[in-house]
Structure formats: structure tokens, C-alpha cells
Protein backbone atom coordinates (compact mmCIF):
# COMPACT_ATOMS: atom_id res chain seq x y z
CA MET A 1 194.80 22.22 94.73
CA THR A 2 194.10 22.84 91.04
CA GLY A 3 192.08 25.55 89.32
CA TRP A 4 193.92 28.72 90.37
CA HIS A 5 193.86 31.86 88.20
CA LEU A 6 196.90 34.14 88.03
CA THR A 7 196.61 37.89 87.47
CA THR A 8 199.84 39.35 86.11
CA LEU A 9 198.65 42.68 84.67
CA GLY A 10 198.71 45.90 86.65
CA ARG A 11 200.28 46.92 89.91
CA VAL A 12 198.63 44.24 92.09
CA PRO A 13 199.29 40.67 90.95
CA ALA A 14 197.00 38.08 92.43
CA LEU A 15 196.41 34.36 92.73
CA HIS A 16 192.71 33.59 92.87
CA HIS A 17 190.75 30.37 93.21
CA PRO A 18 187.28 30.91 91.70
CA ALA A 19 185.77 27.78 93.21
CA THR A 20 186.73 28.51 96.82
CA GLY A 21 187.05 32.30 96.71
CA ALA A 22 190.60 32.12 98.07
CA ARG A 23 192.69 35.08 96.99
CA VAL A 24 196.39 35.82 97.49
CA THR A 25 197.58 39.38 96.82
CA ARG A 26 200.06 40.10 99.58
CA LEU A 27 203.30 38.23 99.98
CA ARG A 28 206.49 39.24 101.73
CA SER A 29 208.30 38.53 98.47
CA LYS A 30 206.62 40.28 95.53
CA ARG A 31 208.84 38.30 93.20
CA ALA A 32 206.95 35.18 94.21
CA PHE A 33 204.30 36.27 91.71
CA ALA A 34 207.00 36.67 89.08
CA LEU A 35 208.04 33.11 89.85
CA LEU A 36 204.51 31.87 89.17
CA ALA A 37 204.33 33.91 85.97
CA SER A 38 207.70 32.60 84.79
CA LEU A 39 206.71 28.99 85.35
CA ALA A 40 203.36 29.56 83.62
CA LEU A 41 204.58 31.53 80.61
CA ASP A 42 207.99 29.89 80.15
CA PRO A 43 207.80 26.40 81.65
CA ALA A 44 210.96 25.31 79.84
CA THR A 45 212.99 27.51 82.19
CA CYS A 46 212.57 25.51 85.35
CA THR A 47 215.96 24.78 86.88
CA VAL A 48 216.58 26.30 90.28
CA ASP A 49 219.72 28.07 89.06
CA ALA A 50 218.03 29.59 86.00
CA LEU A 51 214.98 30.77 87.95
CA ALA A 52 217.12 32.25 90.72
CA GLU A 53 219.26 34.12 88.19
CA ARG A 54 216.19 35.34 86.29
CA LEU A 55 214.24 36.62 89.27
CA TRP A 56 216.95 37.59 91.77
CA PRO A 57 219.81 38.87 89.59
CA ASP A 58 220.64 41.45 92.25
CA ALA A 59 220.95 38.96 95.11
CA GLY A 60 224.74 39.22 95.18
CA SER A 61 225.49 35.51 95.01
CA GLU A 62 224.04 32.25 93.72
CA THR A 63 223.54 31.11 97.30
CA ALA A 64 221.49 34.19 98.20
CA ALA A 65 219.44 33.94 95.00
CA GLY A 66 218.72 30.27 95.68
CA SER A 67 217.68 31.12 99.23
CA ASN A 68 215.31 33.79 97.91
CA LEU A 69 213.79 31.27 95.51
CA ARG A 70 213.19 28.74 98.27
CA THR A 71 211.61 31.46 100.41
CA ALA A 72 209.26 32.42 97.56
CA LEU A 73 208.22 28.79 97.11
CA ARG A 74 207.51 28.45 100.82
CA LEU A 75 205.51 31.70 100.94
CA LEU A 76 203.37 30.63 97.99
CA ARG A 77 202.66 27.25 99.51
CA GLN A 78 201.70 28.84 102.81
CA ALA A 79 199.53 31.54 101.26
CA ALA A 80 197.70 29.12 98.97
CA GLY A 81 197.31 26.48 101.64
CA ALA A 82 198.44 23.92 99.10
CA ASP A 83 201.55 22.79 97.28
CA LEU A 84 201.42 24.46 93.88
CA PHE A 85 204.63 22.86 92.67
CA ALA A 86 205.92 19.54 91.45
CA SER A 87 209.56 19.87 92.35
CA GLU A 88 212.42 17.46 92.07
CA ARG A 89 216.10 17.91 92.69
CA GLY A 90 217.24 21.07 90.93
CA ILE A 91 213.93 21.50 89.07
CA VAL A 92 210.80 23.53 89.87
CA ARG A 93 207.57 23.11 87.91
CA LEU A 94 203.94 23.93 88.51
CA ALA A 95 201.95 20.91 89.60
CA PRO A 96 199.58 19.69 86.87
CA GLY A 97 196.41 21.77 86.82
CA THR A 98 197.66 24.38 89.27
CA LEU A 99 196.78 27.27 86.96
CA SER A 100 193.98 25.54 85.08
CA GLY A 101 191.86 28.57 85.97
CA GLY A 102 194.01 30.54 83.55
CA VAL A 103 196.54 33.37 83.36
CA ASP A 104 195.09 36.76 82.43
CA LEU A 105 197.74 37.58 79.83
CA THR A 106 197.50 34.17 78.16
CA ASP A 107 193.70 34.25 78.23
CA ALA A 108 193.66 37.66 76.53
CA ARG A 109 196.17 36.59 73.90
CA ASP A 110 194.18 33.43 73.14
CA ALA A 111 190.93 35.41 72.88
CA PHE A 112 192.53 37.91 70.50
CA ASP A 113 193.94 35.11 68.34
CA ALA A 114 190.47 33.52 68.19
CA ILE A 115 188.93 36.81 67.03
CA ARG A 116 191.55 37.22 64.32
CA ARG A 117 190.97 33.68 63.09
CA ALA A 118 187.22 34.29 62.90
CA SER A 119 187.54 37.85 61.59
CA ALA A 120 186.25 37.07 58.10
CA THR A 121 183.04 35.58 59.50
CA LEU A 122 182.30 38.32 62.05
CA ALA A 123 180.30 41.45 61.36
CA PRO A 124 182.25 44.60 62.30
CA ASP A 125 180.02 45.37 65.29
CA GLU A 126 180.36 41.83 66.64
CA ARG A 127 184.11 41.93 66.09
CA ALA A 128 184.27 45.27 67.90
CA ALA A 129 182.25 43.90 70.83
CA ARG A 130 184.59 40.95 71.23
CA LEU A 131 187.69 43.11 70.89
CA ARG A 132 186.30 45.48 73.52
CA ASP A 133 186.06 42.56 75.95
CA VAL A 134 189.72 41.72 75.33
CA ALA A 135 190.76 45.36 75.66
CA ARG A 136 188.91 45.54 78.97
CA ALA A 137 190.75 42.44 80.19
CA LEU A 138 194.06 44.13 79.33
CA SER A 139 193.13 47.49 80.86
CA ALA A 140 194.66 46.79 84.30
CA GLY A 141 198.08 47.85 83.06
CA GLY A 142 201.44 46.43 82.13
CA PHE A 143 202.92 43.05 82.95
CA LEU A 144 203.85 42.87 86.67
CA GLU A 145 203.82 46.64 86.63
CA GLY A 146 204.32 47.03 90.36
CA LEU A 147 207.36 44.77 90.53
CA ASP A 148 210.80 46.36 90.75
CA LEU A 149 212.59 43.89 88.53
CA SER A 150 214.32 44.13 85.17
CA GLY A 151 216.16 41.73 82.94
CA PRO A 152 215.83 40.00 79.58
CA TRP A 153 212.86 37.83 80.53
CA ILE A 154 210.62 40.31 82.34
CA ASP A 155 211.51 43.17 79.99
CA GLY A 156 210.61 40.93 77.08
CA GLU A 157 207.30 39.90 78.64
CA ARG A 158 206.48 43.55 79.34
CA ALA A 159 207.22 44.47 75.74
CA ARG A 160 205.10 41.61 74.43
CA ALA A 161 202.22 42.54 76.74
CA ASP A 162 202.36 46.17 75.58
CA ALA A 163 202.46 45.02 71.95
CA LEU A 164 199.38 42.86 72.55
CA ARG A 165 197.52 45.79 74.12
CA ALA A 166 198.49 47.98 71.17
CA GLU A 167 197.37 45.41 68.59
CA VAL A 168 194.06 44.81 70.36
CA HIS A 169 193.29 48.53 70.61
CA LEU A 170 194.22 49.19 67.00
CA SER A 171 192.02 46.30 65.88
CA LEU A 172 189.23 47.71 68.04
CA ALA A 173 189.62 51.17 66.49
CA LEU A 174 189.48 49.72 62.98
CA ALA A 175 186.45 47.55 63.78
CA LEU A 176 184.58 50.50 65.26
CA GLU A 177 185.37 52.61 62.19
CA GLU A 178 184.20 49.81 59.92
CA ALA A 179 180.98 49.38 61.92
CA GLY A 180 180.26 53.03 61.13
CA ASP A 181 178.37 54.03 64.28
CA PRO A 182 178.84 57.81 64.71
CA ALA A 183 178.43 57.41 68.48
CA GLU A 184 181.58 55.27 68.54
CA ARG A 185 183.89 57.69 66.75
CA ARG A 186 185.42 58.98 69.96
CA ALA A 187 185.93 55.44 71.26
CA ALA A 188 187.64 54.52 67.98
CA PHE A 189 189.96 57.53 68.22
CA GLU A 190 190.82 56.78 71.88
CA ALA A 191 191.58 53.15 71.05
CA ALA A 192 193.85 54.20 68.17
CA ALA A 193 195.55 56.81 70.38
CA LEU A 194 196.29 54.21 73.04
CA ALA A 195 197.67 51.81 70.44
CA PHE A 196 199.96 54.54 69.10
CA SER A 197 201.13 55.54 72.61
CA LEU A 198 202.01 51.94 73.43
CA LEU A 199 203.69 51.08 70.15
CA PRO A 200 204.28 54.05 67.82
CA ASP A 201 205.85 51.80 65.17
CA LEU A 202 202.79 49.54 64.97
CA LYS A 203 201.67 49.46 61.34
CA GLY A 204 198.44 51.39 60.92
CA ALA A 205 198.40 52.97 64.35
CA GLU A 206 199.29 56.48 63.21
CA SER A 207 197.02 56.43 60.17
CA ALA A 208 194.10 55.31 62.35
CA LEU A 209 194.39 58.60 64.21
CA LEU A 210 193.97 60.68 61.04
């Protein structure tokens, strides 16, 4: 079945099918959602060994990690009622169109990029309205926040997600200031404060608070 949407932000990841209303939020293996996210965000890493090492580094052995990976694949197939994967010997990929409904983090990043490309043609209030929509989409929290997993890949994705949230909120603060609506001054300050709390070294974040 194609058309699924993957939620990766916040403490409750989810796989949702808008057309049928099917929704998967509870799995015996929480790392199954990390598996989906890994295949969606980094499809080049798709060998069984690499995925097992990335997502089950604490398994104790390659055999145990591989077993955990196979269990996660089975749980996802069962929960979705469909085979989400196009697997071959030693390789795991998402089947074509599986996540054609989108991935929240990717959707937000694409929307922000589109706003930046069109920035010169948008009035400040329109730019602020669009940025507010992106900020709202990112408001659920960090990347796979409820998952007890660390390592180069997931730590990197968490850092990139936080950086995106910071950049969006700083851009929102600046757009609101430029729009000049006195009623939005508090919202501008709060957006700048959140950007600074997420990424203190972000250029312009501290000055936007002044």
C-alpha cells in the first residue's frame, strides 16, 4: 500500500494513511519507527548489516542486531497490513510510493526552503504567515524524541532537526518585526527566544532578542 505519512517529531512517532485513516503508533519495537525514518531520510544506507548496526548498536552481537531488525520489519508489515518494503538479499528499501504521503521533517524542510526562495517576492506579513505554518508543523518536538537511542546517525538527525526549528523561528521573528504589527511583538520575541534556546550560536538569534 502506498501513500503513508510518517511522523518523526515529538515523543509519539506515527505511521498514518490519510486515505484509509489507518494509524500505527504502538509497536513492540519503538526502533521500528527509527528504521522507517532511516530508510526515508537516508535511503543510501540500506544494507541489513548497516541498518542493524545503526539502530541496534547495543544488541551485543551482529546476530542479535540482525534478529532485531527482522523483528522490526515483521512488526511494521503486520501493523500496516501491507508490505512496506522492497527487500532483496542483504538489502532493505522502502517499496516505491510507501511514504508518498510525506515525512513531517522533510515536508517542513521543503516548505521552509520554498519560503526562502520566494522571500524577495513575499510581503513580510505573508512571509510570517507561511513561516508560522512551518513552525507549527515543527512544534511537536525533537526528532524521535521518545526513542532511547543514540549514535552518529540519530544524533545528527536530531541536531539537524533542532537547527531547522531554530532557523524557522528566527526567520519568523524577523518577519514579524519587519511586518511591524505591535500586536505581534510578543510572538516575535518568543520565536527569537526559542531559536536562541535551540541554537545559541545561530547568527542573528541573540540580536533578535534585543
